[in-house]
C-alpha cells in the first residue's frame, strides 16, 4: 500500500501525456549538462587562470557512454515474453552494466571534486560542474529510456541512439 489511495492517480494517463515530449526534454537535459560543464571549465580557464586537465573530461564521457549503452535496450526487450529467456537475460545484463557504468561516472566526478578540494584548489567549479554534468547526463538517459518505446521508431532497430 502506497502513500496515495489506489486509483487516485491515473499513471497510464500521465505516461501517455508525457511520452511525446520526454525525448526532447531528455535531449535538452543532456545539452544543458554538457553546457554547464563547458561553461565552468571556460570560466575557470579565462577568469581563474587555471589550466585544462583532460581528466575532468572523463566522467562526462563515461556517463555519455553509459547512456548510449542504456538506450541500446528497450523496455519491451527487458519485459518481453516473446523472446527466449537468454535474450531477455542479455538485455537485463546490458542494462545492469550501463547502470554500473553510470554510477561509476558519478563516483569518478565526486572523486575528482574531492581531490580538487583536498589539494587546496580555490576553484572547485569544474569539479562541482562535473558532478552536476554526470548526474544530468544519467538523468537524461534514464528519462529517454523510460519514455521511449520501440514502436516510436520502426527503422531504428536495436540501437536507438
N, C-alpha and C. Protein backbone atom coordinates (compact mmCIF):
# COMPACT_ATOMS: atom_id res chain seq x y z
N UNK A 1 0.85 -1.17 0.00
CA UNK A 1 0.00 0.00 0.00
C UNK A 1 0.89 1.23 0.00
N UNK A 2 0.66 2.11 -0.92
CA UNK A 2 1.47 3.31 -1.06
C UNK A 2 0.92 4.45 -0.23
N UNK A 3 1.46 5.62 -0.48
CA UNK A 3 1.04 6.79 0.27
C UNK A 3 -0.26 7.38 -0.28
N UNK A 4 -0.60 7.06 -1.53
CA UNK A 4 -1.83 7.55 -2.14
C UNK A 4 -2.85 6.42 -2.21
N UNK A 5 -4.12 6.73 -2.06
CA UNK A 5 -5.13 5.69 -2.24
C UNK A 5 -5.10 5.17 -3.68
N UNK A 6 -5.41 3.89 -3.82
CA UNK A 6 -5.37 3.27 -5.14
C UNK A 6 -6.37 3.93 -6.07
N UNK A 7 -5.95 4.16 -7.30
CA UNK A 7 -6.82 4.75 -8.30
C UNK A 7 -6.90 6.25 -8.25
N UNK A 8 -6.19 6.90 -7.34
CA UNK A 8 -6.24 8.35 -7.24
C UNK A 8 -5.53 9.01 -8.41
N UNK A 9 -4.41 8.44 -8.84
CA UNK A 9 -3.64 8.99 -9.95
C UNK A 9 -3.67 7.99 -11.10
N UNK A 10 -4.00 8.47 -12.27
CA UNK A 10 -4.01 7.64 -13.47
C UNK A 10 -2.61 7.66 -14.08
N UNK A 11 -1.77 6.69 -13.69
CA UNK A 11 -0.38 6.69 -14.14
C UNK A 11 -0.26 6.44 -15.63
N UNK A 12 -1.16 5.66 -16.20
CA UNK A 12 -1.13 5.44 -17.65
C UNK A 12 -1.43 6.73 -18.40
N UNK A 13 -2.34 7.51 -17.88
CA UNK A 13 -2.65 8.80 -18.49
C UNK A 13 -1.49 9.77 -18.39
N UNK A 14 -0.82 9.77 -17.24
CA UNK A 14 0.36 10.62 -17.07
C UNK A 14 1.45 10.20 -18.04
N UNK A 15 1.66 8.90 -18.17
CA UNK A 15 2.68 8.38 -19.10
C UNK A 15 2.37 8.78 -20.54
N UNK A 16 1.11 8.63 -20.95
CA UNK A 16 0.72 8.97 -22.32
C UNK A 16 0.84 10.47 -22.58
N UNK A 17 0.63 11.29 -21.56
CA UNK A 17 0.75 12.74 -21.72
C UNK A 17 2.21 13.17 -21.83
N UNK A 18 3.08 12.56 -21.05
CA UNK A 18 4.48 12.98 -21.00
C UNK A 18 5.30 12.38 -22.13
N UNK A 19 4.95 11.20 -22.62
CA UNK A 19 5.78 10.47 -23.57
C UNK A 19 6.14 11.24 -24.84
N UNK A 20 5.24 11.98 -25.48
CA UNK A 20 5.64 12.67 -26.72
C UNK A 20 6.72 13.73 -26.51
N UNK A 21 6.82 14.26 -25.31
CA UNK A 21 7.76 15.35 -25.05
C UNK A 21 9.00 14.90 -24.29
N UNK A 22 9.03 13.68 -23.85
CA UNK A 22 10.11 13.22 -22.97
C UNK A 22 11.44 13.10 -23.68
N UNK A 23 11.45 12.65 -24.92
CA UNK A 23 12.72 12.51 -25.63
C UNK A 23 13.33 13.88 -25.89
N UNK A 24 12.51 14.85 -26.24
CA UNK A 24 13.01 16.21 -26.43
C UNK A 24 13.55 16.77 -25.12
N UNK A 25 12.82 16.56 -24.03
CA UNK A 25 13.28 17.04 -22.73
C UNK A 25 14.58 16.37 -22.32
N UNK A 26 14.72 15.08 -22.63
CA UNK A 26 15.97 14.38 -22.32
C UNK A 26 17.13 14.96 -23.13
N UNK A 27 16.90 15.30 -24.38
CA UNK A 27 17.94 15.92 -25.19
C UNK A 27 18.33 17.29 -24.67
N UNK A 28 17.35 18.06 -24.23
CA UNK A 28 17.64 19.37 -23.65
C UNK A 28 18.45 19.21 -22.37
N UNK A 29 18.07 18.26 -21.55
CA UNK A 29 18.79 17.99 -20.30
C UNK A 29 20.23 17.57 -20.58
N UNK A 30 20.42 16.75 -21.60
CA UNK A 30 21.76 16.31 -22.00
C UNK A 30 22.60 17.51 -22.46
N UNK A 31 22.01 18.37 -23.27
CA UNK A 31 22.72 19.56 -23.74
C UNK A 31 23.05 20.52 -22.61
N UNK A 32 22.13 20.69 -21.68
CA UNK A 32 22.38 21.56 -20.53
C UNK A 32 23.52 21.00 -19.68
N UNK A 33 23.57 19.69 -19.54
CA UNK A 33 24.63 19.07 -18.74
C UNK A 33 26.00 19.38 -19.32
N UNK A 34 26.16 19.21 -20.62
CA UNK A 34 27.45 19.49 -21.23
C UNK A 34 27.74 20.99 -21.25
N UNK A 35 26.71 21.82 -21.39
CA UNK A 35 26.91 23.26 -21.38
C UNK A 35 27.38 23.74 -20.01
N UNK A 36 26.80 23.21 -18.95
CA UNK A 36 27.21 23.60 -17.59
C UNK A 36 28.68 23.27 -17.37
N UNK A 37 29.10 22.09 -17.78
CA UNK A 37 30.50 21.69 -17.59
C UNK A 37 31.43 22.56 -18.43
N UNK A 38 31.09 22.79 -19.70
CA UNK A 38 31.95 23.60 -20.57
C UNK A 38 32.01 25.04 -20.08
N UNK A 39 30.90 25.57 -19.59
CA UNK A 39 30.88 26.93 -19.08
C UNK A 39 31.77 27.07 -17.85
N UNK A 40 31.68 26.12 -16.94
CA UNK A 40 32.53 26.17 -15.74
C UNK A 40 34.00 26.02 -16.10
N UNK A 41 34.30 25.16 -17.05
CA UNK A 41 35.69 24.96 -17.46
C UNK A 41 36.24 26.22 -18.12
N UNK A 42 35.50 26.81 -19.04
CA UNK A 42 35.98 28.02 -19.71
C UNK A 42 36.08 29.19 -18.76
N UNK A 43 35.15 29.31 -17.81
CA UNK A 43 35.24 30.36 -16.81
C UNK A 43 36.48 30.17 -15.94
N UNK A 44 36.74 28.93 -15.56
CA UNK A 44 37.91 28.64 -14.73
C UNK A 44 39.21 28.97 -15.47
N UNK A 45 39.25 28.71 -16.76
CA UNK A 45 40.46 28.99 -17.54
C UNK A 45 40.59 30.49 -17.80
N UNK A 46 39.50 31.14 -18.21
CA UNK A 46 39.56 32.54 -18.60
C UNK A 46 39.71 33.48 -17.41
N UNK A 47 38.94 33.27 -16.38
CA UNK A 47 38.94 34.19 -15.24
C UNK A 47 39.88 33.72 -14.14
N UNK A 48 39.86 32.44 -13.85
CA UNK A 48 40.67 31.93 -12.76
C UNK A 48 42.11 31.63 -13.14
N UNK A 49 42.40 31.57 -14.41
CA UNK A 49 43.76 31.29 -14.85
C UNK A 49 44.18 29.85 -14.67
N UNK A 50 43.23 28.94 -14.52
CA UNK A 50 43.56 27.52 -14.35
C UNK A 50 43.92 26.92 -15.71
N UNK A 51 44.59 25.80 -15.66
CA UNK A 51 44.92 25.10 -16.91
C UNK A 51 43.93 23.96 -17.11
N UNK A 52 43.77 23.56 -18.37
CA UNK A 52 42.83 22.49 -18.70
C UNK A 52 43.46 21.14 -18.40
N UNK A 53 42.74 20.33 -17.64
CA UNK A 53 43.17 18.97 -17.36
C UNK A 53 42.21 18.01 -18.06
N UNK A 54 42.70 17.18 -18.97
CA UNK A 54 41.80 16.26 -19.69
C UNK A 54 41.10 15.26 -18.78
N UNK A 55 41.60 15.07 -17.57
CA UNK A 55 40.98 14.13 -16.63
C UNK A 55 39.56 14.58 -16.28
N UNK A 56 39.32 15.89 -16.28
CA UNK A 56 37.99 16.39 -15.93
C UNK A 56 36.95 16.04 -16.98
N UNK A 57 37.41 15.65 -18.16
CA UNK A 57 36.51 15.28 -19.24
C UNK A 57 35.99 13.85 -19.11
N UNK A 58 36.72 13.02 -18.39
CA UNK A 58 36.44 11.58 -18.35
C UNK A 58 35.06 11.23 -17.77
N UNK A 59 34.63 11.78 -16.61
CA UNK A 59 33.31 11.37 -16.09
C UNK A 59 32.16 11.67 -17.04
N UNK A 60 32.21 12.80 -17.72
CA UNK A 60 31.15 13.13 -18.67
C UNK A 60 31.12 12.18 -19.86
N UNK A 61 32.30 11.83 -20.35
CA UNK A 61 32.36 10.89 -21.47
C UNK A 61 31.89 9.49 -21.06
N UNK A 62 32.26 9.08 -19.85
CA UNK A 62 31.83 7.76 -19.36
C UNK A 62 30.31 7.75 -19.13
N UNK A 63 29.78 8.84 -18.59
CA UNK A 63 28.32 8.92 -18.40
C UNK A 63 27.59 8.90 -19.75
N UNK A 64 28.16 9.57 -20.75
CA UNK A 64 27.56 9.55 -22.08
C UNK A 64 27.59 8.15 -22.67
N UNK A 65 28.71 7.45 -22.49
CA UNK A 65 28.79 6.06 -22.97
C UNK A 65 27.77 5.18 -22.25
N UNK A 66 27.55 5.43 -20.96
CA UNK A 66 26.55 4.65 -20.22
C UNK A 66 25.15 4.92 -20.75
N UNK A 67 24.88 6.16 -21.12
CA UNK A 67 23.56 6.49 -21.68
C UNK A 67 23.36 5.78 -23.03
N UNK A 68 24.41 5.73 -23.83
CA UNK A 68 24.31 5.02 -25.11
C UNK A 68 24.04 3.54 -24.87
N UNK A 69 24.77 2.94 -23.93
CA UNK A 69 24.53 1.53 -23.59
C UNK A 69 23.11 1.32 -23.08
N UNK A 70 22.65 2.23 -22.25
CA UNK A 70 21.32 2.11 -21.66
C UNK A 70 20.24 2.13 -22.73
N UNK A 71 20.42 2.96 -23.74
CA UNK A 71 19.39 3.10 -24.76
C UNK A 71 19.50 2.08 -25.88
N UNK A 72 20.49 1.19 -25.81
CA UNK A 72 20.52 0.06 -26.73
C UNK A 72 19.42 -0.94 -26.41
N UNK A 73 18.96 -0.95 -25.18
CA UNK A 73 17.95 -1.91 -24.73
C UNK A 73 16.64 -1.17 -24.53
N UNK A 74 15.58 -1.65 -25.15
CA UNK A 74 14.28 -1.03 -24.95
C UNK A 74 13.58 -1.70 -23.76
N UNK A 75 12.57 -1.03 -23.26
CA UNK A 75 11.81 -1.60 -22.14
C UNK A 75 11.09 -2.87 -22.57
N UNK A 76 10.68 -2.92 -23.82
CA UNK A 76 9.98 -4.11 -24.31
C UNK A 76 10.89 -5.33 -24.31
N UNK A 77 12.19 -5.14 -24.58
CA UNK A 77 13.12 -6.27 -24.58
C UNK A 77 13.38 -6.79 -23.18
N UNK A 78 13.31 -5.93 -22.20
CA UNK A 78 13.53 -6.36 -20.82
C UNK A 78 12.32 -7.12 -20.29
N UNK A 79 11.13 -6.70 -20.68
CA UNK A 79 9.91 -7.31 -20.15
C UNK A 79 9.23 -8.26 -21.12
N UNK A 80 9.86 -8.55 -22.25
CA UNK A 80 9.19 -9.31 -23.31
C UNK A 80 9.05 -10.78 -22.95
N UNK A 81 7.90 -11.33 -23.29
CA UNK A 81 7.66 -12.76 -23.13
C UNK A 81 7.91 -13.51 -24.43
N UNK A 82 7.90 -12.78 -25.56
CA UNK A 82 8.05 -13.46 -26.84
C UNK A 82 9.50 -13.85 -27.12
N UNK A 83 10.43 -13.22 -26.44
CA UNK A 83 11.84 -13.59 -26.61
C UNK A 83 12.17 -14.79 -25.74
N UNK A 84 13.22 -15.47 -26.10
CA UNK A 84 13.64 -16.57 -25.23
C UNK A 84 14.28 -16.00 -23.97
N UNK A 85 14.45 -16.85 -23.00
CA UNK A 85 14.95 -16.41 -21.70
C UNK A 85 16.37 -15.85 -21.79
N UNK A 86 17.19 -16.39 -22.68
CA UNK A 86 18.57 -15.93 -22.81
C UNK A 86 18.62 -14.51 -23.38
N UNK A 87 17.76 -14.19 -24.32
CA UNK A 87 17.75 -12.84 -24.90
C UNK A 87 17.30 -11.81 -23.87
N UNK A 88 16.29 -12.16 -23.09
CA UNK A 88 15.85 -11.26 -22.03
C UNK A 88 16.93 -11.07 -20.98
N UNK A 89 17.65 -12.15 -20.66
CA UNK A 89 18.73 -12.06 -19.68
C UNK A 89 19.87 -11.19 -20.22
N UNK A 90 20.20 -11.30 -21.51
CA UNK A 90 21.24 -10.46 -22.09
C UNK A 90 20.84 -8.99 -22.05
N UNK A 91 19.58 -8.70 -22.32
CA UNK A 91 19.10 -7.33 -22.27
C UNK A 91 19.20 -6.78 -20.85
N UNK A 92 18.80 -7.59 -19.87
CA UNK A 92 18.88 -7.15 -18.48
C UNK A 92 20.33 -6.97 -18.03
N UNK A 93 21.22 -7.84 -18.51
CA UNK A 93 22.63 -7.73 -18.16
C UNK A 93 23.24 -6.46 -18.74
N UNK A 94 22.92 -6.14 -19.99
CA UNK A 94 23.44 -4.92 -20.60
C UNK A 94 22.90 -3.69 -19.88
N UNK A 95 21.66 -3.74 -19.48
CA UNK A 95 21.07 -2.63 -18.73
C UNK A 95 21.75 -2.47 -17.37
N UNK A 96 22.03 -3.58 -16.69
CA UNK A 96 22.72 -3.51 -15.41
C UNK A 96 24.14 -2.96 -15.58
N UNK A 97 24.85 -3.39 -16.62
CA UNK A 97 26.19 -2.87 -16.88
C UNK A 97 26.14 -1.37 -17.13
N UNK A 98 25.14 -0.92 -17.87
CA UNK A 98 25.03 0.52 -18.13
C UNK A 98 24.75 1.30 -16.84
N UNK A 99 23.94 0.72 -15.94
CA UNK A 99 23.70 1.37 -14.65
C UNK A 99 24.99 1.45 -13.83
N UNK A 100 25.75 0.37 -13.82
CA UNK A 100 27.01 0.38 -13.07
C UNK A 100 28.01 1.37 -13.65
N UNK A 101 28.08 1.46 -14.96
CA UNK A 101 28.98 2.42 -15.60
C UNK A 101 28.55 3.85 -15.28
N UNK A 102 27.25 4.11 -15.28
CA UNK A 102 26.78 5.45 -14.97
C UNK A 102 27.04 5.81 -13.51
N UNK A 103 26.87 4.86 -12.61
CA UNK A 103 27.21 5.13 -11.20
C UNK A 103 28.71 5.33 -11.04
N UNK A 104 29.51 4.61 -11.81
CA UNK A 104 30.96 4.81 -11.79
C UNK A 104 31.34 6.20 -12.28
N UNK A 105 30.63 6.71 -13.28
CA UNK A 105 30.90 8.06 -13.77
C UNK A 105 30.58 9.10 -12.71
N UNK A 106 29.47 8.93 -12.03
CA UNK A 106 29.12 9.87 -10.96
C UNK A 106 30.13 9.77 -9.83
N UNK A 107 30.54 8.55 -9.48
CA UNK A 107 31.56 8.38 -8.45
C UNK A 107 32.89 8.99 -8.84
N UNK A 108 33.28 8.87 -10.10
CA UNK A 108 34.53 9.47 -10.57
C UNK A 108 34.45 10.99 -10.50
N UNK A 109 33.31 11.56 -10.84
CA UNK A 109 33.15 13.01 -10.76
C UNK A 109 33.24 13.49 -9.31
N UNK A 110 32.62 12.75 -8.41
CA UNK A 110 32.72 13.11 -6.99
C UNK A 110 34.16 12.96 -6.51
N UNK A 111 34.83 11.91 -6.95
CA UNK A 111 36.24 11.72 -6.58
C UNK A 111 37.12 12.85 -7.07
N UNK A 112 36.89 13.33 -8.29
CA UNK A 112 37.66 14.47 -8.80
C UNK A 112 37.38 15.74 -8.00
N UNK A 113 36.14 15.93 -7.61
CA UNK A 113 35.79 17.10 -6.79
C UNK A 113 36.48 17.03 -5.44
N UNK A 114 36.46 15.87 -4.81
CA UNK A 114 37.13 15.71 -3.51
C UNK A 114 38.63 15.88 -3.66
N UNK A 115 39.20 15.37 -4.75
CA UNK A 115 40.63 15.51 -4.99
C UNK A 115 41.01 16.99 -5.17
N UNK A 116 40.20 17.73 -5.91
CA UNK A 116 40.47 19.17 -6.08
C UNK A 116 40.37 19.90 -4.75
N UNK A 117 39.43 19.50 -3.91
CA UNK A 117 39.26 20.16 -2.62
C UNK A 117 40.43 19.85 -1.68
N UNK A 118 40.89 18.61 -1.66
CA UNK A 118 41.96 18.24 -0.73
C UNK A 118 43.32 18.76 -1.16
N UNK A 119 43.52 19.02 -2.44
CA UNK A 119 44.82 19.55 -2.85
C UNK A 119 44.88 21.07 -2.66
N UNK A 120 43.82 21.64 -2.16
CA UNK A 120 43.83 23.06 -1.80
C UNK A 120 43.45 23.99 -2.92
N UNK A 121 42.79 23.49 -3.93
CA UNK A 121 42.37 24.36 -5.03
C UNK A 121 41.28 25.31 -4.59
N UNK A 122 41.39 26.55 -5.04
CA UNK A 122 40.38 27.54 -4.68
C UNK A 122 39.17 27.47 -5.60
N UNK A 123 39.40 27.03 -6.84
CA UNK A 123 38.32 26.97 -7.82
C UNK A 123 37.80 25.54 -7.92
N UNK A 124 36.65 25.31 -7.33
CA UNK A 124 36.05 23.98 -7.34
C UNK A 124 34.89 23.88 -8.32
N UNK A 125 34.71 24.91 -9.15
CA UNK A 125 33.57 24.93 -10.05
C UNK A 125 33.64 23.83 -11.10
N UNK A 126 34.84 23.53 -11.58
CA UNK A 126 34.95 22.49 -12.60
C UNK A 126 34.58 21.13 -12.00
N UNK A 127 35.02 20.86 -10.78
CA UNK A 127 34.67 19.60 -10.13
C UNK A 127 33.18 19.51 -9.81
N UNK A 128 32.62 20.61 -9.31
CA UNK A 128 31.19 20.62 -9.00
C UNK A 128 30.35 20.50 -10.26
N UNK A 129 30.79 21.17 -11.32
CA UNK A 129 30.04 21.06 -12.57
C UNK A 129 30.19 19.67 -13.18
N UNK A 130 31.29 18.98 -12.91
CA UNK A 130 31.45 17.61 -13.38
C UNK A 130 30.46 16.67 -12.70
N UNK A 131 30.25 16.88 -11.40
CA UNK A 131 29.25 16.07 -10.68
C UNK A 131 27.85 16.37 -11.23
N UNK A 132 27.55 17.65 -11.39
CA UNK A 132 26.24 18.03 -11.93
C UNK A 132 26.06 17.50 -13.35
N UNK A 133 27.12 17.59 -14.15
CA UNK A 133 27.05 17.09 -15.53
C UNK A 133 26.76 15.60 -15.56
N UNK A 134 27.49 14.84 -14.78
CA UNK A 134 27.29 13.38 -14.78
C UNK A 134 25.87 13.02 -14.33
N UNK A 135 25.39 13.68 -13.29
CA UNK A 135 24.03 13.40 -12.81
C UNK A 135 22.98 13.77 -13.85
N UNK A 136 23.15 14.91 -14.52
CA UNK A 136 22.17 15.32 -15.53
C UNK A 136 22.21 14.43 -16.77
N UNK A 137 23.41 14.00 -17.17
CA UNK A 137 23.52 13.10 -18.32
C UNK A 137 22.83 11.77 -18.02
N UNK A 138 23.06 11.24 -16.83
CA UNK A 138 22.42 9.97 -16.46
C UNK A 138 20.90 10.16 -16.33
N UNK A 139 20.46 11.28 -15.77
CA UNK A 139 19.02 11.54 -15.67
C UNK A 139 18.38 11.66 -17.06
N UNK A 140 19.08 12.29 -17.99
CA UNK A 140 18.53 12.39 -19.34
C UNK A 140 18.45 11.02 -20.00
N UNK A 141 19.46 10.19 -19.78
CA UNK A 141 19.42 8.84 -20.33
C UNK A 141 18.31 7.99 -19.75
N UNK A 142 18.11 8.12 -18.44
CA UNK A 142 17.03 7.36 -17.80
C UNK A 142 15.66 7.81 -18.29
N UNK A 143 15.46 9.12 -18.44
CA UNK A 143 14.16 9.58 -18.93
C UNK A 143 13.95 9.19 -20.38
N UNK A 144 15.00 9.22 -21.17
CA UNK A 144 14.87 8.78 -22.57
C UNK A 144 14.56 7.29 -22.62
N UNK A 145 15.22 6.50 -21.79
CA UNK A 145 14.98 5.06 -21.79
C UNK A 145 13.57 4.74 -21.30
N UNK A 146 13.14 5.41 -20.24
CA UNK A 146 11.84 5.10 -19.65
C UNK A 146 10.69 5.44 -20.58
N UNK A 147 10.78 6.56 -21.29
CA UNK A 147 9.65 7.01 -22.09
C UNK A 147 9.74 6.62 -23.56
N UNK A 148 10.82 5.97 -23.98
CA UNK A 148 10.92 5.55 -25.37
C UNK A 148 10.36 4.15 -25.53
N UNK A 149 9.63 3.95 -26.60
CA UNK A 149 9.16 2.61 -26.91
C UNK A 149 9.63 2.24 -28.30
N UNK A 150 9.80 0.97 -28.55
CA UNK A 150 10.33 0.50 -29.83
C UNK A 150 9.38 0.82 -30.98
N UNK A 151 8.11 1.00 -30.70
CA UNK A 151 7.15 1.30 -31.77
C UNK A 151 7.25 2.74 -32.26
N UNK A 152 7.95 3.61 -31.52
CA UNK A 152 8.08 5.01 -31.94
C UNK A 152 8.94 5.16 -33.18
N UNK A 153 9.96 4.35 -33.31
CA UNK A 153 10.88 4.48 -34.44
C UNK A 153 11.10 3.10 -35.05
N UNK A 154 10.26 2.71 -36.00
CA UNK A 154 10.35 1.35 -36.52
C UNK A 154 11.64 1.06 -37.28
N UNK A 155 12.30 2.07 -37.82
CA UNK A 155 13.50 1.83 -38.60
C UNK A 155 14.78 1.83 -37.80
N UNK A 156 14.72 2.17 -36.53
CA UNK A 156 15.94 2.33 -35.75
C UNK A 156 16.51 1.01 -35.26
N UNK A 157 15.68 0.03 -35.04
CA UNK A 157 16.18 -1.27 -34.64
C UNK A 157 16.64 -1.31 -33.19
N UNK A 158 17.69 -2.08 -32.95
CA UNK A 158 18.15 -2.36 -31.60
C UNK A 158 18.84 -1.17 -30.96
N UNK A 159 19.59 -0.41 -31.69
CA UNK A 159 20.30 0.75 -31.13
C UNK A 159 19.53 2.02 -31.39
N UNK A 160 18.95 2.60 -30.37
CA UNK A 160 18.12 3.80 -30.53
C UNK A 160 18.96 5.04 -30.75
N UNK A 161 20.00 5.22 -29.98
CA UNK A 161 20.80 6.44 -30.09
C UNK A 161 21.80 6.24 -31.17
